[in-house]
Amino acid sequence: MMLSALGFLMVAAFMILIMTKRMAPIVALIVVPIAFGLLAGFGGQLGPMMLDGLTRMVSTGVMLMFAILYFGIVTDAGLFDPIVRTLLKIVGNDPVKVVVGSAVLAALVSLDGDGSTTYMITAAAFMPLYRRIGLNPMIMACLLLNASGIMNIIPWGGPTARAATAVQIDSSGVFIPLVPAMAVGLGWLVLLAVYLGRRERKRLGALSLPGEAHPMLEGAAFSVSTDPTMCRPRLVYVNAALTLLLMVLLVMAVLPLPVLFMCGFALAATLNYPQPAVLKVRIAQHAPNVLAVVSLIFAAGIFTGILSGTGMVEAMSKSLLAVIPPSLGPYLAPIAGIISIPMTFFISNDAFYFGMLPVLAEAAAHYGLSAQQMASAALIGQPVHLLSPLVPSTWLLAGLAGVDFGEYQKFTLKWATATSIVLLIAGLLFGAFPLRAG
């Protein structure tokens, strides 16, 4: 009982400290578990526990590092430039096509795992069209957030790495079962875009409107890359083929994710920036993103190492089992998915995945549910999570669209919730996690 109480107090302390911004997540993940480990009397054993936790994080940390660098390199080289150009030419001034095009572009750019980049590129490309035609910018902001919420499940996006880290399994084991559900989610996104686009077409009372060429298509310097001088237009198809091959090999699990992205980065770097001095500058450009993400993952290794090593997580799960009606126990996977929708809105991903998921997973194990199933289910709430005021990129999106944040939340919440429900149903249908254990 003492270990259970200390475990819940540790999780509560961690969540309160980061939610009240009294401590940065990376610091809280290190300081809080050490303090409670000492309080529990494990002072002499904390070193091996922390080292064990760190060792388990190496694979995830390496994968995230090279995934961020890979997508940074191919984006700098101009991988997304022709995609944006083509979409802008296709959509013309038809409200339905413009709305669908913005959703499709957001989903494609979200492959890099960075929500802020997705919002900036898509808004820069489509906001001029939205304004000229008179489309409601709230619709673009809604679709961009939903696209990012679905694609945020990719292993290098952040939440999946956190969920996998929390239950100490490989990211690919969490992500791959969710691929069919993500495909269904993207299909739903297109249908939603068509519905909202048709509603706007009816409101505007026209199928298409005359207009000049899109401002971003004027001039040869067009690029959505971070540094247009670094574009490699002659290598666009090579980079596209390399990225497609990487995605196929990832889904097929031909090699471990860290190895795939290390090889992919090496090939992309050699093809696009063979000069060491130039490559060094490109790596430095993306180093802040790498450091912010990877350092957090390794700090989480301390938290999960102590939580597991001290036996706190096991004690906490037993306490949780005592209050969960036995009839509900086998349904913990969909329950975790449903819980993730409001919880990741009100608390951060760090608090939910590092604080709550390990306890839920340990409790679910007593009913025969695997850590993978629980981690996959816990990712269902990401579309709603991104609507939270705790997510900085969402404020950026509202600013780019020029909409009031409160009104934006009110408009988007029902659609984000619907997207989460679609992911939940698809996850159940395609076996990412079961409705009932056993």
Protein backbone atom coordinates (compact mmCIF):
# COMPACT_ATOMS: atom_id res chain seq x y z
CA MET A 1 0.00 0.00 0.00
CA MET A 2 2.89 2.36 0.80
CA LEU A 3 4.48 1.83 -2.63
CA SER A 4 1.13 2.34 -4.33
CA ALA A 5 0.51 5.59 -2.44
CA LEU A 6 4.01 6.86 -3.23
CA GLY A 7 3.54 5.93 -6.88
CA PHE A 8 0.29 7.83 -7.22
CA LEU A 9 1.80 10.78 -5.34
CA MET A 10 4.78 10.74 -7.70
CA VAL A 11 2.56 10.78 -10.78
CA ALA A 12 0.39 13.53 -9.27
CA ALA A 13 3.44 15.61 -8.35
CA PHE A 14 4.83 15.22 -11.86
CA MET A 15 1.54 16.19 -13.49
CA ILE A 16 0.97 19.18 -11.21
CA LEU A 17 4.49 20.51 -11.68
CA ILE A 18 4.34 20.45 -15.47
CA MET A 19 0.72 21.58 -15.75
CA THR A 20 1.33 24.58 -13.50
CA LYS A 21 4.59 25.25 -15.37
CA ARG A 22 6.57 25.21 -12.13
CA MET A 23 9.01 22.82 -13.74
CA ALA A 24 9.88 21.93 -17.33
CA PRO A 25 8.81 18.38 -18.33
CA ILE A 26 12.40 17.30 -19.02
CA VAL A 27 13.46 18.37 -15.52
CA ALA A 28 10.37 16.94 -13.80
CA LEU A 29 10.90 13.56 -15.49
CA ILE A 30 14.31 13.35 -13.83
CA VAL A 31 13.91 15.12 -10.48
CA VAL A 32 10.49 13.84 -9.37
CA PRO A 33 11.16 10.07 -9.66
CA ILE A 34 14.57 10.40 -8.01
CA ALA A 35 13.03 12.28 -5.09
CA PHE A 36 10.28 9.69 -4.61
CA GLY A 37 12.71 6.82 -5.12
CA LEU A 38 14.82 8.18 -2.26
CA LEU A 39 11.70 8.70 -0.17
CA ALA A 40 10.74 5.04 -0.75
CA GLY A 41 14.13 3.90 0.53
CA PHE A 42 15.68 2.77 -2.76
CA GLY A 43 18.61 5.19 -2.68
CA GLY A 44 21.31 2.57 -3.25
CA GLN A 45 19.41 0.92 -6.11
CA LEU A 46 18.34 3.96 -8.11
CA GLY A 47 21.46 3.97 -10.32
CA PRO A 48 20.84 0.55 -11.93
CA MET A 49 17.11 1.33 -12.24
CA MET A 50 17.79 4.57 -14.09
CA LEU A 51 20.40 2.94 -16.32
CA ASP A 52 17.95 0.17 -17.18
CA GLY A 53 15.31 2.77 -18.08
CA LEU A 54 17.79 4.68 -20.24
CA THR A 55 18.88 1.51 -22.02
CA ARG A 56 15.29 0.80 -22.99
CA MET A 57 15.01 4.29 -24.50
CA VAL A 58 18.05 4.10 -26.78
CA SER A 59 16.17 2.60 -29.73
CA THR A 60 13.37 5.17 -29.58
CA GLY A 61 15.78 8.07 -29.11
CA VAL A 62 17.90 7.08 -32.10
CA MET A 63 14.82 6.56 -34.26
CA LEU A 64 13.44 10.02 -33.44
CA MET A 65 16.79 11.71 -34.00
CA PHE A 66 17.31 10.36 -37.48
CA ALA A 67 13.62 10.59 -38.47
CA ILE A 68 13.63 14.32 -37.72
CA LEU A 69 16.89 14.78 -39.59
CA TYR A 70 15.67 12.73 -42.56
CA PHE A 71 12.47 14.69 -43.05
CA GLY A 72 14.31 17.93 -42.42
CA ILE A 73 16.77 17.10 -45.20
CA VAL A 74 14.18 16.10 -47.83
CA THR A 75 11.99 19.10 -46.95
CA ASP A 76 14.94 21.44 -47.35
CA ALA A 77 15.69 19.77 -50.68
CA GLY A 78 12.17 20.67 -51.89
CA LEU A 79 10.29 17.37 -51.63
CA PHE A 80 6.96 19.11 -50.92
CA ASP A 81 7.33 22.01 -53.38
CA PRO A 82 5.93 20.26 -56.49
CA ILE A 83 3.17 18.69 -54.40
CA VAL A 84 2.01 22.12 -53.28
CA ARG A 85 2.26 23.55 -56.81
CA THR A 86 0.27 20.67 -58.28
CA LEU A 87 -2.46 20.89 -55.65
CA LEU A 88 -2.82 24.63 -56.13
CA LYS A 89 -3.20 24.19 -59.89
CA ILE A 90 -5.77 21.39 -59.46
CA VAL A 91 -8.01 23.12 -56.94
CA GLY A 92 -8.39 26.34 -58.93
CA ASN A 93 -11.16 28.43 -57.36
CA ASP A 94 -13.70 25.68 -56.66
CA PRO A 95 -14.55 25.86 -52.93
CA VAL A 96 -14.84 22.07 -52.61
CA LYS A 97 -11.51 21.42 -54.33
CA VAL A 98 -9.77 24.14 -52.31
CA VAL A 99 -11.02 22.74 -49.00
CA VAL A 100 -10.14 19.15 -49.93
CA GLY A 101 -6.76 20.27 -51.27
CA SER A 102 -5.85 21.96 -48.00
CA ALA A 103 -6.71 18.77 -46.08
CA VAL A 104 -4.70 16.56 -48.44
CA LEU A 105 -1.66 18.85 -48.33
CA ALA A 106 -1.79 18.95 -44.52
CA ALA A 107 -1.85 15.15 -44.35
CA LEU A 108 1.12 14.87 -46.73
CA VAL A 109 3.25 17.50 -45.01
CA SER A 110 2.42 15.95 -41.62
CA LEU A 111 4.72 13.08 -42.60
CA ASP A 112 7.58 15.10 -41.14
CA GLY A 113 6.01 14.79 -37.70
CA ASP A 114 6.08 18.52 -36.94
CA GLY A 115 2.69 20.17 -36.51
CA SER A 116 4.05 23.71 -36.69
CA THR A 117 5.72 23.03 -40.05
CA THR A 118 2.50 21.48 -41.39
CA TYR A 119 0.45 24.50 -40.38
CA MET A 120 2.89 27.06 -41.76
CA ILE A 121 3.33 25.34 -45.13
CA THR A 122 -0.36 24.60 -45.68
CA ALA A 123 -1.58 27.98 -44.46
CA ALA A 124 0.98 29.79 -46.61
CA ALA A 125 -0.21 27.85 -49.65
CA PHE A 126 -3.98 27.96 -49.12
CA MET A 127 -4.85 31.03 -47.05
CA PRO A 128 -4.61 33.35 -50.10
CA LEU A 129 -7.15 31.13 -51.88
CA TYR A 130 -9.45 30.98 -48.87
CA ARG A 131 -9.38 34.77 -48.57
CA ARG A 132 -9.89 35.46 -52.30
CA ILE A 133 -12.83 33.05 -52.64
CA GLY A 134 -14.33 34.06 -49.31
CA LEU A 135 -14.09 30.67 -47.62
CA ASN A 136 -14.37 30.46 -43.85
CA PRO A 137 -10.77 30.19 -42.54
CA MET A 138 -12.15 28.26 -39.56
CA ILE A 139 -12.67 25.32 -41.92
CA MET A 140 -9.03 25.28 -42.98
CA ALA A 141 -7.86 25.44 -39.37
CA CYS A 142 -10.24 22.61 -38.44
CA LEU A 143 -9.07 20.34 -41.24
CA LEU A 144 -5.39 21.04 -40.66
CA LEU A 145 -5.73 20.12 -37.00
CA ASN A 146 -7.60 16.90 -37.78
CA ALA A 147 -5.03 15.92 -40.40
CA SER A 148 -2.21 16.55 -37.96
CA GLY A 149 -4.07 14.64 -35.24
CA ILE A 150 -4.31 11.54 -37.43
CA MET A 151 -0.77 11.73 -38.78
CA ASN A 152 0.64 12.52 -35.33
CA ILE A 153 0.43 8.77 -34.67
CA ILE A 154 3.51 8.14 -36.86
CA PRO A 155 6.39 6.93 -34.65
CA TRP A 156 8.47 10.08 -35.06
CA GLY A 157 5.53 12.37 -34.37
CA GLY A 158 5.90 12.33 -30.59
CA PRO A 159 2.83 10.70 -28.95
CA THR A 160 3.63 7.19 -30.23
CA ALA A 161 7.20 7.46 -28.99
CA ARG A 162 5.90 8.59 -25.60
CA ALA A 163 3.33 5.77 -25.40
CA ALA A 164 5.90 3.14 -26.44
CA THR A 165 8.44 4.55 -24.02
CA ALA A 166 5.95 4.53 -21.16
CA VAL A 167 5.21 0.81 -21.55
CA GLN A 168 8.79 0.01 -22.62
CA ILE A 169 8.16 -1.49 -26.06
CA ASP A 170 9.33 -0.58 -29.57
CA SER A 171 7.50 2.26 -31.34
CA SER A 172 6.86 0.17 -34.45
CA GLY A 173 4.89 -2.33 -32.37
CA VAL A 174 2.50 0.45 -31.38
CA PHE A 175 2.31 2.20 -34.77
CA ILE A 176 2.02 -0.61 -37.33
CA PRO A 177 -1.26 -2.07 -35.93
CA LEU A 178 -2.75 1.42 -36.21
CA VAL A 179 -1.87 1.95 -39.90
CA PRO A 180 -5.24 0.65 -41.21
CA ALA A 181 -7.06 2.84 -38.68
CA MET A 182 -5.04 5.84 -39.83
CA ALA A 183 -5.99 5.07 -43.46
CA VAL A 184 -9.67 5.01 -42.45
CA GLY A 185 -9.12 8.25 -40.54
CA LEU A 186 -7.65 9.93 -43.63
CA GLY A 187 -10.62 8.70 -45.69
CA TRP A 188 -12.92 10.27 -43.10
CA LEU A 189 -10.88 13.49 -43.31
CA VAL A 190 -11.47 13.73 -47.07
CA LEU A 191 -15.20 13.09 -46.61
CA LEU A 192 -15.33 15.79 -43.94
CA ALA A 193 -13.49 18.18 -46.27
CA VAL A 194 -15.97 17.44 -49.08
CA TYR A 195 -18.92 18.04 -46.74
CA LEU A 196 -17.53 21.33 -45.41
CA GLY A 197 -16.51 22.41 -48.90
CA ARG A 198 -19.98 21.76 -50.32
CA ARG A 199 -21.49 23.69 -47.43
CA GLU A 200 -19.23 26.62 -48.29
CA ARG A 201 -20.04 26.32 -52.01
CA LYS A 202 -23.74 26.53 -51.19
CA ARG A 203 -23.15 29.52 -48.93
CA LEU A 204 -21.15 31.33 -51.61
CA GLY A 205 -23.68 30.42 -54.28
CA ALA A 206 -21.14 29.58 -56.98
CA LEU A 207 -19.29 26.57 -58.29
CA SER A 208 -16.19 28.55 -59.11
CA LEU A 209 -15.03 32.12 -59.02
CA PRO A 210 -12.75 33.92 -61.45
CA GLY A 211 -9.40 35.01 -60.10
CA GLU A 212 -5.81 35.69 -60.83
CA ALA A 213 -3.02 33.15 -60.52
CA HIS A 214 -2.24 32.04 -57.00
CA PRO A 215 0.33 34.44 -55.50
CA MET A 216 2.60 31.57 -54.45
CA LEU A 217 2.77 30.31 -58.03
CA GLU A 218 4.14 33.57 -59.34
CA GLY A 219 7.89 33.68 -59.81
CA ALA A 220 10.54 31.01 -60.00
CA ALA A 221 11.62 31.35 -56.38
CA PHE A 222 8.55 29.53 -55.04
CA SER A 223 9.40 27.12 -52.24
CA VAL A 224 8.05 25.96 -48.91
CA SER A 225 11.48 24.80 -47.78
CA THR A 226 13.16 26.41 -44.78
CA ASP A 227 15.92 27.69 -47.06
CA PRO A 228 14.97 28.03 -50.78
CA THR A 229 18.65 28.19 -51.78
CA MET A 230 19.03 24.62 -50.55
CA CYS A 231 16.36 23.22 -52.90
CA ARG A 232 17.41 20.39 -55.19
CA PRO A 233 14.63 20.34 -57.83
CA ARG A 234 16.43 17.77 -59.99
CA LEU A 235 16.30 15.30 -57.10
CA VAL A 236 12.61 15.65 -56.28
CA TYR A 237 11.63 12.30 -57.78
CA VAL A 238 14.64 10.61 -56.20
CA ASN A 239 13.69 11.98 -52.78
CA ALA A 240 10.04 11.01 -53.30
CA ALA A 241 11.03 7.46 -54.28
CA LEU A 242 13.37 7.21 -51.30
CA THR A 243 10.65 8.43 -48.91
CA LEU A 244 8.08 6.03 -50.36
CA LEU A 245 10.52 3.14 -50.09
CA LEU A 246 11.26 4.09 -46.51
CA MET A 247 7.55 4.10 -45.64
CA VAL A 248 7.02 0.70 -47.27
CA LEU A 249 9.99 -0.85 -45.46
CA LEU A 250 8.76 0.71 -42.22
CA VAL A 251 5.31 -0.86 -42.51
CA MET A 252 6.80 -4.20 -43.57
CA ALA A 253 9.17 -4.05 -40.56
CA VAL A 254 12.06 -5.21 -42.75
CA LEU A 255 14.55 -3.59 -40.36
CA PRO A 256 14.23 -1.93 -36.95
CA LEU A 257 13.00 1.66 -37.19
CA PRO A 258 16.25 3.25 -35.94
CA VAL A 259 18.26 1.38 -38.57
CA LEU A 260 15.81 2.32 -41.34
CA PHE A 261 15.96 6.01 -40.55
CA MET A 262 19.72 6.02 -40.07
CA CYS A 263 20.14 4.47 -43.53
CA GLY A 264 17.50 6.76 -45.01
CA PHE A 265 19.19 9.84 -43.56
CA ALA A 266 22.60 8.74 -44.83
CA LEU A 267 21.22 8.24 -48.36
CA ALA A 268 19.25 11.51 -48.38
CA ALA A 269 22.22 13.47 -47.04
CA THR A 270 24.61 11.95 -49.59
CA LEU A 271 22.23 12.55 -52.51
CA ASN A 272 21.21 16.11 -51.64
CA TYR A 273 24.12 17.62 -49.73
CA PRO A 274 27.30 15.64 -50.40
CA GLN A 275 29.52 18.53 -49.27
CA PRO A 276 30.26 18.09 -45.52
CA ALA A 277 30.16 21.84 -44.83
CA VAL A 278 26.71 22.23 -46.39
CA LEU A 279 25.35 19.15 -44.62
CA LYS A 280 26.66 20.47 -41.32
CA VAL A 281 24.60 23.63 -41.76
CA ARG A 282 21.47 21.63 -42.61
CA ILE A 283 21.89 19.43 -39.54
CA ALA A 284 22.40 22.52 -37.38
CA GLN A 285 19.15 23.93 -38.77
CA HIS A 286 17.21 20.97 -37.38
CA ALA A 287 19.30 20.38 -34.26
CA PRO A 288 16.91 22.30 -31.93
CA ASN A 289 14.01 19.99 -32.86
CA VAL A 290 16.21 16.91 -32.41
CA LEU A 291 17.50 18.02 -29.01
CA ALA A 292 14.06 18.98 -27.70
CA VAL A 293 12.49 15.63 -28.58
CA VAL A 294 15.33 13.18 -27.91
CA SER A 295 16.34 14.71 -24.58
CA LEU A 296 12.73 14.35 -23.39
CA ILE A 297 12.70 10.66 -24.36
CA PHE A 298 15.89 9.93 -22.42
CA ALA A 299 14.60 11.88 -19.41
CA ALA A 300 11.48 9.69 -19.58
CA GLY A 301 13.81 6.69 -19.25
CA ILE A 302 14.66 7.84 -15.72
CA PHE A 303 10.97 8.16 -14.86
CA THR A 304 9.90 4.77 -16.24
CA GLY A 305 13.03 3.05 -14.92
CA ILE A 306 12.35 4.12 -11.35
CA LEU A 307 8.58 3.63 -11.63
CA SER A 308 9.14 0.02 -12.72
CA GLY A 309 12.28 -0.79 -10.76
CA THR A 310 10.86 0.22 -7.39
CA GLY A 311 7.72 -1.85 -8.01
CA MET A 312 5.52 1.25 -7.80
CA VAL A 313 3.78 0.64 -11.11
CA GLU A 314 2.87 -2.91 -10.09
CA ALA A 315 1.56 -1.74 -6.72
CA MET A 316 -0.42 1.03 -8.40
CA SER A 317 -1.98 -1.38 -10.87
CA LYS A 318 -3.10 -3.65 -8.04
CA SER A 319 -4.75 -0.69 -6.33
CA LEU A 320 -6.43 0.27 -9.59
CA LEU A 321 -7.63 -3.30 -10.12
CA ALA A 322 -9.21 -3.22 -6.70
CA VAL A 323 -11.51 -0.35 -7.70
CA ILE A 324 -12.24 -1.43 -11.30
CA PRO A 325 -15.33 -3.66 -11.45
CA PRO A 326 -14.24 -7.10 -12.70
CA SER A 327 -16.87 -6.86 -15.42
CA LEU A 328 -15.08 -3.82 -16.92
CA GLY A 329 -11.54 -5.17 -16.69
CA PRO A 330 -11.53 -7.02 -20.04
CA TYR A 331 -12.67 -3.79 -21.74
CA LEU A 332 -9.71 -1.71 -20.58
CA ALA A 333 -8.32 -1.21 -24.12
CA PRO A 334 -11.34 0.69 -25.52
CA ILE A 335 -11.74 2.35 -22.12
CA ALA A 336 -8.16 3.64 -22.41
CA GLY A 337 -8.99 4.94 -25.89
CA ILE A 338 -12.09 6.75 -24.66
CA ILE A 339 -10.26 8.13 -21.62
CA SER A 340 -7.47 9.47 -23.84
CA ILE A 341 -9.91 11.80 -25.64
CA PRO A 342 -10.70 14.11 -22.69
CA MET A 343 -7.54 13.41 -20.67
CA THR A 344 -5.06 14.43 -23.35
CA PHE A 345 -7.09 17.60 -23.84
CA PHE A 346 -6.93 18.63 -20.20
CA ILE A 347 -3.42 17.38 -19.45
CA SER A 348 -0.28 17.16 -21.56
CA ASN A 349 0.85 14.13 -23.52
CA ASP A 350 3.74 13.77 -21.11
CA ALA A 351 1.41 13.64 -18.12
CA PHE A 352 -0.97 11.14 -19.71
CA TYR A 353 1.48 8.76 -21.36
CA PHE A 354 4.21 8.80 -18.73
CA GLY A 355 1.90 9.17 -15.75
CA MET A 356 -1.31 7.27 -16.46
CA LEU A 357 -0.62 4.82 -19.28
CA PRO A 358 1.90 2.61 -17.41
CA VAL A 359 -0.62 2.09 -14.61
CA LEU A 360 -3.46 1.31 -17.03
CA ALA A 361 -1.23 -1.07 -19.00
CA GLU A 362 -0.08 -2.93 -15.91
CA ALA A 363 -3.68 -3.29 -14.70
CA ALA A 364 -4.80 -4.46 -18.15
CA ALA A 365 -2.08 -7.11 -18.21
CA HIS A 366 -3.97 -8.98 -15.48
CA TYR A 367 -6.82 -9.43 -17.96
CA GLY A 368 -4.58 -10.61 -20.79
CA LEU A 369 -4.25 -7.28 -22.64
CA SER A 370 -0.77 -6.56 -24.01
CA ALA A 371 1.23 -3.36 -23.56
CA GLN A 372 1.03 -2.82 -27.34
CA GLN A 373 -2.76 -2.98 -27.34
CA MET A 374 -3.04 -0.49 -24.49
CA ALA A 375 -0.48 1.90 -26.00
CA SER A 376 -2.20 1.81 -29.41
CA ALA A 377 -5.59 2.46 -27.83
CA ALA A 378 -4.20 5.36 -25.81
CA LEU A 379 -3.27 7.22 -29.03
CA ILE A 380 -6.89 7.54 -30.16
CA GLY A 381 -7.39 10.93 -28.49
CA GLN A 382 -4.70 12.80 -30.46
CA PRO A 383 -7.06 14.83 -32.72
CA VAL A 384 -8.78 16.25 -29.62
CA HIS A 385 -5.48 16.64 -27.79
CA LEU A 386 -4.20 19.04 -30.45
CA LEU A 387 -7.17 21.32 -29.79
CA SER A 388 -6.01 21.82 -26.21
CA PRO A 389 -4.74 25.28 -25.19
CA LEU A 390 -1.74 23.40 -23.76
CA VAL A 391 -0.47 22.74 -27.33
CA PRO A 392 1.60 25.71 -28.61
CA SER A 393 1.28 24.79 -32.29
CA THR A 394 -2.51 25.12 -32.05
CA TRP A 395 -2.14 28.77 -31.08
CA LEU A 396 0.11 29.17 -34.11
CA LEU A 397 -2.55 27.60 -36.34
CA ALA A 398 -5.27 29.91 -35.00
CA GLY A 399 -2.98 32.89 -35.62
CA LEU A 400 -2.16 31.81 -39.18
CA ALA A 401 -5.86 31.36 -39.95
CA GLY A 402 -6.73 34.62 -38.22
CA VAL A 403 -9.49 33.10 -36.05
CA ASP A 404 -10.44 33.57 -32.42
CA PHE A 405 -9.07 30.68 -30.37
CA GLY A 406 -12.24 30.16 -28.33
CA GLU A 407 -14.48 30.20 -31.40
CA TYR A 408 -12.03 27.89 -33.15
CA GLN A 409 -12.25 25.36 -30.30
CA LYS A 410 -16.05 25.54 -30.35
CA PHE A 411 -16.18 24.98 -34.12
CA THR A 412 -13.58 22.19 -34.24
CA LEU A 413 -14.27 20.16 -31.08
CA LYS A 414 -17.15 18.12 -32.52
CA TRP A 415 -15.16 17.25 -35.66
CA ALA A 416 -12.01 16.39 -33.71
CA THR A 417 -14.08 14.18 -31.39
CA ALA A 418 -15.67 12.51 -34.42
CA THR A 419 -12.20 11.83 -35.87
CA SER A 420 -11.11 10.21 -32.60
CA ILE A 421 -14.24 8.05 -32.59
CA VAL A 422 -13.55 6.99 -36.21
CA LEU A 423 -10.01 6.01 -35.20
CA LEU A 424 -11.37 4.09 -32.19
CA ILE A 425 -13.89 2.12 -34.26
CA ALA A 426 -11.35 1.44 -37.02
CA GLY A 427 -8.76 0.36 -34.43
CA LEU A 428 -11.25 -2.16 -33.04
CA LEU A 429 -12.31 -3.41 -36.49
CA PHE A 430 -8.75 -3.90 -37.73
CA GLY A 431 -7.50 -5.50 -34.53
CA ALA A 432 -5.10 -2.82 -33.27
CA PHE A 433 -6.71 -3.52 -29.89
CA PRO A 434 -9.67 -5.70 -28.90
CA LEU A 435 -13.08 -4.69 -27.64
CA ARG A 436 -12.76 -7.34 -24.95
CA ALA A 437 -9.74 -9.25 -23.72
CA GLY A 438 -9.48 -12.96 -24.36
